Amino acid sequence: MNNSPFSAKEWNRIALQQQGLLQPPVTLTALVQQLGYVQIDSINVVERAHHHVLHSRLSGYRPAMLQQAVQQAEVFEYWAHAAAYLPMADYRFSLYRKQQLKQGDKHWHQPDGDVMQQVLARIAAEGPLKAGDFSDDGGRRGSWWDWKPAKKALEQLFMQGDVMVKRRDNFQKVYDLTNRVLPAWVNRDVPDDSAFARYLISRFLQAHGFGSVAQIGYLRKNSKALLQPVLQQMYEQGEIGCFTRQKKAYYFAVDLTVPRAIENKVWLLNPFDNLLIQRDRVKQWFDFDYQIEVYVPAEKRQYGYYSLAVLWAEDFVGRADVKADRASKTLLLQRLTLEPAACDAAGSVNSDFLAAFEQAVADYARFNGCERWKLVNCNHRQLKQHYRRLQRLG
């Protein structure tokens, strides 16, 4: 790497540190602030991804803690690169996108002003409502996700900032007027282009330690033109550093320190985890080619429907396709796929890894309300036979 202050391995360790995996903040609000966002996902073959992200980093985390943080206006729902929980302290930066939408920028569908006004009037008069509280007009829709008009209106009002999610009931959004949800202390000044770019840069470097222009502006429209001049200005003023790797420029926070070598620990990370969401970055830096196969036909899946990435110390060493059998309170490892890095020179599974892995799986099982876990299939024949013997004895 050209002009880099650290080795590739040290940069990876820094990334894990900034992601809160090594020394996580002690409160949920501080953790969301550190990460910048926590992506929301609806898949529930196991506990939902946003809860898992927090569980992976916060000791004693329970899903009710996130709902409490929303109700106490410590975090709020909006759009990052996808639907997410964001720290309330960053609320003003959500106004950048909201203003664009109010000025005519399109989100998913064409706004229907009349329906939006009707929906807004009902919420103003009746209090918090969800999409199910609005009757279907019975007409043919065939539009985005086959949403009824009121649902589309609610989403548009949410995206442009007229309403906020006050809470969720059985994962359904309950909306209320923004001025009834937003605390009085929150800054409501709309940031200009430069301030918004600085926000994106500072939050990304805080959460990841370093990143390229494309990574900092991930899935944000026209982000390169917005970010590049501000990055250059911050670099020239000594606010951030820069190095190159494989002909790509990476910017980094100048106050970084390299954490000590990571002890024998395994993390199970879901497909929407902040560390994993940018697949190219994971491949470039951790040499781990990770993809979600939820949308892949069953017969074409290599690793399984919902495969967690297995991180051992500083390396990704496998994938575990998981499902919570809630009736029997059993966490099923439907397919465990280990890579050579999990094994010793003789091809046996490393005993240190195995001990840390079993502890991580047991902890994840408890998090999912399961009393036991079971290995169904594995690409390592010796390990598969080992667990089959244990299960027979048990």
Protein backbone atom coordinates (compact mmCIF):
# COMPACT_ATOMS: atom_id res chain seq x y z
CA MET A 1 0.00 0.00 0.00
CA ASN A 2 1.27 3.43 -0.89
CA ASN A 3 1.79 5.97 1.95
CA SER A 4 -0.32 3.93 4.36
CA PRO A 5 0.44 4.31 8.07
CA PHE A 6 -0.78 0.77 8.78
CA SER A 7 -0.69 -2.71 7.26
CA ALA A 8 -3.77 -4.31 5.71
CA LYS A 9 -4.25 -6.49 8.79
CA GLU A 10 -4.04 -3.45 11.05
CA TRP A 11 -6.63 -1.63 8.97
CA ASN A 12 -8.96 -4.59 9.34
CA ARG A 13 -8.47 -4.57 13.08
CA ILE A 14 -9.24 -0.84 13.10
CA ALA A 15 -12.45 -1.51 11.17
CA LEU A 16 -13.56 -4.06 13.78
CA GLN A 17 -12.75 -1.61 16.54
CA GLN A 18 -14.70 1.25 14.96
CA GLN A 19 -17.62 -1.10 14.39
CA GLY A 20 -17.98 -1.60 18.12
CA LEU A 21 -17.11 -5.28 18.01
CA LEU A 22 -14.02 -5.03 20.21
CA GLN A 23 -14.92 -2.40 22.80
CA PRO A 24 -18.57 -1.50 22.26
CA PRO A 25 -20.21 1.58 23.78
CA VAL A 26 -22.08 0.81 26.98
CA THR A 27 -25.50 2.15 25.93
CA LEU A 28 -27.74 1.47 22.95
CA THR A 29 -27.93 5.16 22.04
CA ALA A 30 -24.14 5.51 22.11
CA LEU A 31 -23.80 2.40 19.97
CA VAL A 32 -26.22 3.65 17.31
CA GLN A 33 -24.34 6.96 17.37
CA GLN A 34 -21.05 5.12 16.84
CA LEU A 35 -22.39 3.00 13.98
CA GLY A 36 -24.27 5.91 12.41
CA TYR A 37 -27.28 3.74 11.59
CA VAL A 38 -28.69 0.25 12.07
CA GLN A 39 -30.44 -1.16 9.01
CA ILE A 40 -33.99 -2.47 9.47
CA ASP A 41 -34.96 -5.77 7.86
CA SER A 42 -38.15 -7.81 8.01
CA ILE A 43 -36.80 -11.38 7.57
CA ASN A 44 -37.70 -13.32 10.70
CA VAL A 45 -36.51 -16.91 10.28
CA VAL A 46 -34.40 -15.85 13.24
CA GLU A 47 -34.50 -12.64 15.29
CA ARG A 48 -34.58 -9.67 12.90
CA ALA A 49 -31.31 -8.25 11.63
CA HIS A 50 -31.44 -4.86 13.37
CA HIS A 51 -31.79 -6.56 16.75
CA HIS A 52 -28.97 -8.96 15.90
CA VAL A 53 -26.62 -6.10 15.00
CA LEU A 54 -27.16 -4.59 18.43
CA HIS A 55 -26.96 -7.96 20.19
CA SER A 56 -23.58 -8.62 18.52
CA ARG A 57 -22.14 -5.54 20.18
CA LEU A 58 -24.12 -4.71 23.30
CA SER A 59 -24.01 -6.97 26.33
CA GLY A 60 -27.44 -7.86 27.65
CA TYR A 61 -29.28 -6.39 24.67
CA ARG A 62 -32.98 -7.20 24.36
CA PRO A 63 -35.28 -6.15 21.48
CA ALA A 64 -37.50 -4.16 23.86
CA MET A 65 -34.54 -1.82 24.45
CA LEU A 66 -34.70 -0.55 20.87
CA GLN A 67 -38.44 0.14 21.07
CA GLN A 68 -37.81 2.00 24.31
CA ALA A 69 -35.10 4.11 22.65
CA VAL A 70 -37.57 5.05 19.90
CA GLN A 71 -40.27 5.95 22.41
CA GLN A 72 -37.80 8.07 24.37
CA ALA A 73 -36.77 9.84 21.13
CA GLU A 74 -33.15 8.74 21.42
CA VAL A 75 -33.24 7.12 17.97
CA PHE A 76 -35.62 7.49 15.05
CA GLU A 77 -36.50 5.71 11.84
CA TYR A 78 -35.57 7.11 8.45
CA TRP A 79 -33.56 6.29 5.36
CA ALA A 80 -29.78 5.94 5.35
CA HIS A 81 -28.76 3.87 2.32
CA ALA A 82 -31.83 1.81 3.30
CA ALA A 83 -34.50 1.90 6.02
CA ALA A 84 -32.68 2.33 9.31
CA TYR A 85 -32.63 3.44 12.91
CA LEU A 86 -30.60 6.64 13.28
CA PRO A 87 -29.43 8.64 16.31
CA MET A 88 -31.82 11.49 17.11
CA ALA A 89 -28.78 13.77 17.44
CA ASP A 90 -28.38 13.42 13.64
CA TYR A 91 -31.99 14.32 12.84
CA ARG A 92 -31.20 17.56 11.03
CA PHE A 93 -29.21 15.66 8.41
CA SER A 94 -32.31 13.69 7.44
CA LEU A 95 -33.80 17.04 6.38
CA TYR A 96 -31.42 17.17 3.43
CA ARG A 97 -33.25 14.31 1.68
CA LYS A 98 -36.66 15.37 2.97
CA GLN A 99 -36.24 18.80 1.43
CA GLN A 100 -35.28 17.27 -1.92
CA LEU A 101 -38.45 15.18 -1.91
CA LYS A 102 -40.63 18.14 -1.01
CA GLN A 103 -39.08 20.02 -3.90
CA GLY A 104 -40.13 17.34 -6.38
CA ASP A 105 -37.44 14.66 -6.26
CA LYS A 106 -39.02 11.23 -6.65
CA HIS A 107 -38.79 8.40 -4.13
CA TRP A 108 -40.60 5.23 -5.27
CA HIS A 109 -43.86 6.42 -6.73
CA GLN A 110 -45.69 9.53 -7.85
CA PRO A 111 -47.13 11.38 -4.83
CA ASP A 112 -50.91 11.77 -4.68
CA GLY A 113 -51.43 15.11 -2.95
CA ASP A 114 -55.13 14.62 -2.27
CA VAL A 115 -54.67 11.26 -0.55
CA MET A 116 -51.70 12.60 1.39
CA GLN A 117 -53.78 15.48 2.74
CA GLN A 118 -56.59 13.11 3.74
CA VAL A 119 -54.17 10.79 5.53
CA LEU A 120 -52.46 13.69 7.27
CA ALA A 121 -55.81 15.11 8.40
CA ARG A 122 -56.84 11.78 9.95
CA ILE A 123 -53.59 11.45 11.89
CA ALA A 124 -53.91 15.05 13.09
CA ALA A 125 -57.45 14.40 14.31
CA GLU A 126 -57.19 10.83 15.57
CA GLY A 127 -53.60 10.48 16.70
CA PRO A 128 -51.03 7.79 15.70
CA LEU A 129 -52.21 5.45 12.92
CA LYS A 130 -50.77 2.62 10.84
CA ALA A 131 -51.49 1.62 7.25
CA GLY A 132 -53.98 -1.02 8.41
CA ASP A 133 -56.14 1.70 9.97
CA PHE A 134 -56.99 2.97 6.48
CA SER A 135 -59.55 1.08 4.40
CA ASP A 136 -58.65 -0.21 0.95
CA ASP A 137 -60.46 1.48 -1.93
CA GLY A 138 -60.78 -1.92 -3.61
CA GLY A 139 -59.41 -0.66 -6.89
CA ARG A 140 -56.77 -2.34 -8.97
CA ARG A 141 -53.34 -1.21 -7.87
CA GLY A 142 -50.50 -3.22 -9.33
CA SER A 143 -47.93 -0.65 -8.22
CA TRP A 144 -44.96 -0.75 -5.88
CA TRP A 145 -45.33 -3.80 -3.60
CA ASP A 146 -49.06 -3.60 -4.47
CA TRP A 147 -49.48 -0.92 -1.83
CA LYS A 148 -52.90 0.67 -1.35
CA PRO A 149 -53.11 4.46 -1.86
CA ALA A 150 -53.07 5.27 1.86
CA LYS A 151 -49.96 3.15 2.39
CA LYS A 152 -48.16 4.98 -0.41
CA ALA A 153 -49.31 8.30 0.99
CA LEU A 154 -48.03 7.40 4.45
CA GLU A 155 -44.67 6.39 3.05
CA GLN A 156 -44.38 9.60 1.05
CA LEU A 157 -45.34 11.70 4.08
CA PHE A 158 -42.77 9.78 6.11
CA MET A 159 -40.02 10.20 3.55
CA GLN A 160 -40.57 13.93 3.17
CA GLY A 161 -40.79 14.46 6.91
CA ASP A 162 -44.42 15.31 7.64
CA VAL A 163 -44.86 12.22 9.80
CA MET A 164 -42.50 10.04 11.82
CA VAL A 165 -42.66 6.48 13.10
CA LYS A 166 -43.74 6.77 16.72
CA ARG A 167 -43.47 3.04 17.38
CA ARG A 168 -44.01 -0.35 15.75
CA ASP A 169 -46.82 -2.78 16.58
CA ASN A 170 -45.97 -6.32 15.46
CA PHE A 171 -43.41 -4.75 13.14
CA GLN A 172 -46.02 -2.46 11.54
CA LYS A 173 -45.13 1.23 11.54
CA VAL A 174 -47.35 3.50 13.61
CA TYR A 175 -47.14 7.07 12.29
CA ASP A 176 -47.74 10.39 14.01
CA LEU A 177 -47.22 14.04 13.08
CA THR A 178 -43.56 14.99 13.22
CA ASN A 179 -44.18 17.94 15.52
CA ARG A 180 -45.77 15.55 18.04
CA VAL A 181 -42.86 13.11 17.97
CA LEU A 182 -39.78 15.31 17.62
CA PRO A 183 -38.30 16.61 20.90
CA ALA A 184 -38.02 20.38 21.29
CA TRP A 185 -34.23 20.22 21.65
CA VAL A 186 -33.63 18.76 18.19
CA ASN A 187 -31.84 20.97 15.66
CA ARG A 188 -34.11 21.48 12.62
CA ASP A 189 -31.75 23.51 10.42
CA VAL A 190 -31.50 22.04 6.93
CA PRO A 191 -27.81 21.41 6.10
CA ASP A 192 -26.32 22.74 2.87
CA ASP A 193 -24.34 20.55 0.47
CA SER A 194 -21.05 21.08 2.29
CA ALA A 195 -22.47 20.37 5.74
CA PHE A 196 -24.24 17.24 4.52
CA ALA A 197 -21.06 15.99 2.83
CA ARG A 198 -19.10 16.54 6.04
CA TYR A 199 -21.75 14.61 7.93
CA LEU A 200 -21.49 11.62 5.56
CA ILE A 201 -17.69 11.68 5.75
CA SER A 202 -17.42 12.05 9.51
CA ARG A 203 -20.03 9.41 10.25
CA PHE A 204 -18.48 6.87 7.89
CA LEU A 205 -14.96 7.37 9.18
CA GLN A 206 -16.22 7.21 12.75
CA ALA A 207 -17.98 3.90 12.08
CA HIS A 208 -15.39 2.27 9.81
CA GLY A 209 -12.11 4.13 10.31
CA PHE A 210 -11.37 4.49 6.60
CA GLY A 211 -13.10 4.37 3.23
CA SER A 212 -13.12 5.33 -0.43
CA VAL A 213 -15.40 7.97 -1.96
CA ALA A 214 -17.72 5.25 -3.26
CA GLN A 215 -17.89 3.57 0.14
CA ILE A 216 -18.59 6.81 1.99
CA GLY A 217 -21.39 7.66 -0.43
CA TYR A 218 -22.75 4.13 -0.72
CA LEU A 219 -26.09 4.04 -2.56
CA ARG A 220 -26.57 7.81 -2.32
CA LYS A 221 -27.42 9.60 -5.54
CA ASN A 222 -24.74 11.93 -6.98
CA SER A 223 -22.57 11.29 -3.93
CA LYS A 224 -19.19 11.49 -5.66
CA ALA A 225 -19.75 15.03 -6.91
CA LEU A 226 -20.98 16.00 -3.45
CA LEU A 227 -18.19 14.35 -1.48
CA GLN A 228 -15.04 14.74 -3.56
CA PRO A 229 -14.44 18.50 -3.11
CA VAL A 230 -15.15 18.32 0.63
CA LEU A 231 -12.84 15.33 1.06
CA GLN A 232 -10.10 17.22 -0.77
CA GLN A 233 -10.63 20.29 1.40
CA MET A 234 -10.57 18.25 4.62
CA TYR A 235 -7.41 16.46 3.47
CA GLU A 236 -5.62 19.72 2.59
CA GLN A 237 -6.54 21.17 5.97
CA GLY A 238 -5.19 18.09 7.77
CA GLU A 239 -8.56 16.98 9.13
CA ILE A 240 -8.27 13.55 7.47
CA GLY A 241 -5.51 11.45 5.96
CA CYS A 242 -5.32 9.58 2.66
CA PHE A 243 -3.54 6.50 1.32
CA THR A 244 -3.86 4.39 -1.81
CA ARG A 245 -4.38 0.67 -2.20
CA GLN A 246 -4.80 -1.12 -5.52
CA LYS A 247 -4.95 2.29 -7.23
CA LYS A 248 -7.86 3.40 -5.07
CA ALA A 249 -7.74 6.33 -2.65
CA TYR A 250 -8.84 5.73 0.93
CA TYR A 251 -9.48 8.48 3.44
CA PHE A 252 -9.10 7.93 7.16
CA ALA A 253 -9.59 9.61 10.51
CA VAL A 254 -6.27 10.97 11.72
CA ASP A 255 -6.74 10.04 15.38
CA LEU A 256 -6.91 6.26 14.83
CA THR A 257 -4.98 3.82 16.96
CA VAL A 258 -4.46 0.15 16.20
CA PRO A 259 -6.07 -2.15 18.77
CA ARG A 260 -4.22 -5.10 20.22
CA ALA A 261 -4.41 -8.49 18.54
CA ILE A 262 -7.88 -9.94 18.97
CA GLU A 263 -8.33 -12.83 21.36
CA ASN A 264 -10.00 -16.12 20.53
CA LYS A 265 -13.56 -14.94 19.84
CA VAL A 266 -16.21 -15.75 17.24
CA TRP A 267 -18.95 -13.42 16.04
CA LEU A 268 -21.93 -14.51 13.96
CA LEU A 269 -22.91 -11.56 11.76
CA ASN A 270 -26.07 -11.27 9.70
CA PRO A 271 -26.25 -10.20 6.03
CA PHE A 272 -27.33 -6.66 6.97
CA ASP A 273 -24.65 -6.08 9.59
CA ASN A 274 -22.89 -2.73 9.22
CA LEU A 275 -19.54 -4.46 8.78
CA LEU A 276 -20.82 -6.65 5.95
CA ILE A 277 -23.31 -4.53 4.03
CA GLN A 278 -20.77 -3.31 1.47
CA ARG A 279 -19.80 -6.66 -0.06
CA ASP A 280 -17.01 -5.30 -2.27
CA ARG A 281 -15.32 -3.72 0.72
CA VAL A 282 -15.45 -7.00 2.65
CA LYS A 283 -13.98 -8.85 -0.32
CA GLN A 284 -11.22 -6.28 -0.87
CA TRP A 285 -10.09 -6.08 2.74
CA PHE A 286 -11.03 -9.38 4.37
CA ASP A 287 -10.80 -11.56 1.24
CA PHE A 288 -14.29 -12.86 1.98
CA ASP A 289 -16.73 -13.21 -0.90
CA TYR A 290 -20.03 -12.91 0.91
CA GLN A 291 -23.50 -12.73 -0.63
CA ILE A 292 -27.01 -13.07 0.69
CA GLU A 293 -28.96 -15.90 -0.96
CA VAL A 294 -32.47 -15.04 0.21
CA TYR A 295 -33.40 -14.05 -3.34
CA VAL A 296 -31.59 -16.95 -5.01
CA PRO A 297 -33.72 -19.98 -6.05
CA ALA A 298 -33.30 -22.77 -3.49
CA GLU A 299 -31.64 -25.14 -5.95
CA LYS A 300 -28.97 -22.57 -6.78
CA ARG A 301 -27.98 -21.61 -3.26
CA GLN A 302 -24.43 -22.46 -2.20
CA TYR A 303 -24.64 -21.64 1.47
CA GLY A 304 -28.32 -21.38 2.40
CA TYR A 305 -31.27 -19.03 2.67
CA TYR A 306 -30.06 -16.95 5.62
CA SER A 307 -26.36 -17.49 6.13
CA LEU A 308 -24.55 -15.68 8.89
CA ALA A 309 -20.92 -14.81 8.34
CA VAL A 310 -18.59 -16.48 10.86
CA LEU A 311 -15.88 -14.06 12.01
CA TRP A 312 -13.09 -15.60 14.05
CA ALA A 313 -10.81 -12.98 15.61
CA GLU A 314 -9.72 -11.00 12.52
CA ASP A 315 -10.76 -13.41 9.76
CA PHE A 316 -13.98 -14.63 8.20
CA VAL A 317 -13.82 -18.40 8.25
CA GLY A 318 -17.26 -19.64 7.27
CA ARG A 319 -21.00 -19.28 6.91
CA ALA A 320 -23.84 -20.70 8.98
CA ASP A 321 -27.34 -20.94 7.51
CA VAL A 322 -29.66 -20.55 10.49
CA LYS A 323 -33.33 -20.94 11.34
CA ALA A 324 -35.06 -20.76 14.71
CA ASP A 325 -37.50 -23.64 15.16
CA ARG A 326 -39.59 -21.75 17.68
CA ALA A 327 -41.96 -24.63 18.39
CA SER A 328 -39.15 -26.84 19.68
CA LYS A 329 -37.00 -23.92 20.86
CA THR A 330 -34.13 -25.19 18.75
CA LEU A 331 -31.73 -23.13 16.70
CA LEU A 332 -31.01 -25.06 13.51
CA LEU A 333 -27.66 -24.71 11.80
CA GLN A 334 -29.07 -25.98 8.56
CA ARG A 335 -25.77 -25.73 6.77
CA LEU A 336 -22.37 -24.87 8.23
CA THR A 337 -19.73 -24.13 5.62
CA LEU A 338 -16.20 -23.73 6.94
CA GLU A 339 -13.21 -22.45 5.03
CA PRO A 340 -9.63 -23.76 5.37
CA ALA A 341 -8.77 -20.90 7.74
CA ALA A 342 -10.91 -22.60 10.41
CA CYS A 343 -8.77 -25.73 10.22
CA ASP A 344 -5.25 -26.70 11.18
CA ALA A 345 -2.54 -27.97 8.84
CA ALA A 346 -3.87 -31.52 9.08
CA GLY A 347 -7.36 -30.45 8.04
CA SER A 348 -8.98 -30.86 11.45
CA VAL A 349 -11.11 -28.03 12.76
CA ASN A 350 -9.00 -25.80 14.98
CA SER A 351 -9.86 -26.58 18.61
CA ASP A 352 -9.60 -22.94 19.70
CA PHE A 353 -11.98 -21.91 16.94
CA LEU A 354 -14.40 -24.71 17.79
CA ALA A 355 -14.63 -23.69 21.44
CA ALA A 356 -15.25 -20.04 20.56
CA PHE A 357 -17.73 -21.02 17.84
CA GLU A 358 -19.79 -23.20 20.19
CA GLN A 359 -19.95 -20.37 22.70
CA ALA A 360 -21.09 -17.91 20.01
CA VAL A 361 -23.78 -20.31 18.74
CA ALA A 362 -25.06 -21.00 22.24
CA ASP A 363 -25.28 -17.27 22.92
CA TYR A 364 -27.05 -16.67 19.61
CA ALA A 365 -29.49 -19.49 20.36
CA ARG A 366 -30.42 -17.89 23.69
CA PHE A 367 -30.87 -14.54 21.95
CA ASN A 368 -33.38 -16.25 19.65
CA GLY A 369 -35.31 -17.73 22.57
CA CYS A 370 -33.94 -21.22 21.88
CA GLU A 371 -32.84 -23.65 24.56
CA ARG A 372 -30.61 -25.75 22.32
CA TRP A 373 -28.98 -25.78 18.91
CA LYS A 374 -28.51 -28.50 16.35
CA LEU A 375 -26.12 -28.91 13.44
CA VAL A 376 -28.06 -30.32 10.49
CA ASN A 377 -25.42 -30.30 7.78
CA CYS A 378 -21.77 -29.33 7.43
CA ASN A 379 -19.15 -29.38 4.68
CA HIS A 380 -16.57 -30.73 7.14
CA ARG A 381 -17.25 -34.45 7.44
CA GLN A 382 -15.34 -35.00 10.68
CA LEU A 383 -17.17 -32.14 12.44
CA LYS A 384 -20.55 -33.31 11.17
CA GLN A 385 -19.95 -36.80 12.58
CA HIS A 386 -18.73 -35.33 15.85
CA TYR A 387 -21.95 -33.41 16.43
CA ARG A 388 -24.10 -36.32 15.32
CA ARG A 389 -22.49 -38.47 18.00
CA LEU A 390 -23.05 -35.77 20.62
CA GLN A 391 -26.68 -35.36 19.60
CA ARG A 392 -27.30 -39.10 19.81
CA LEU A 393 -25.75 -39.19 23.26
CA GLY A 394 -27.77 -36.15 24.30
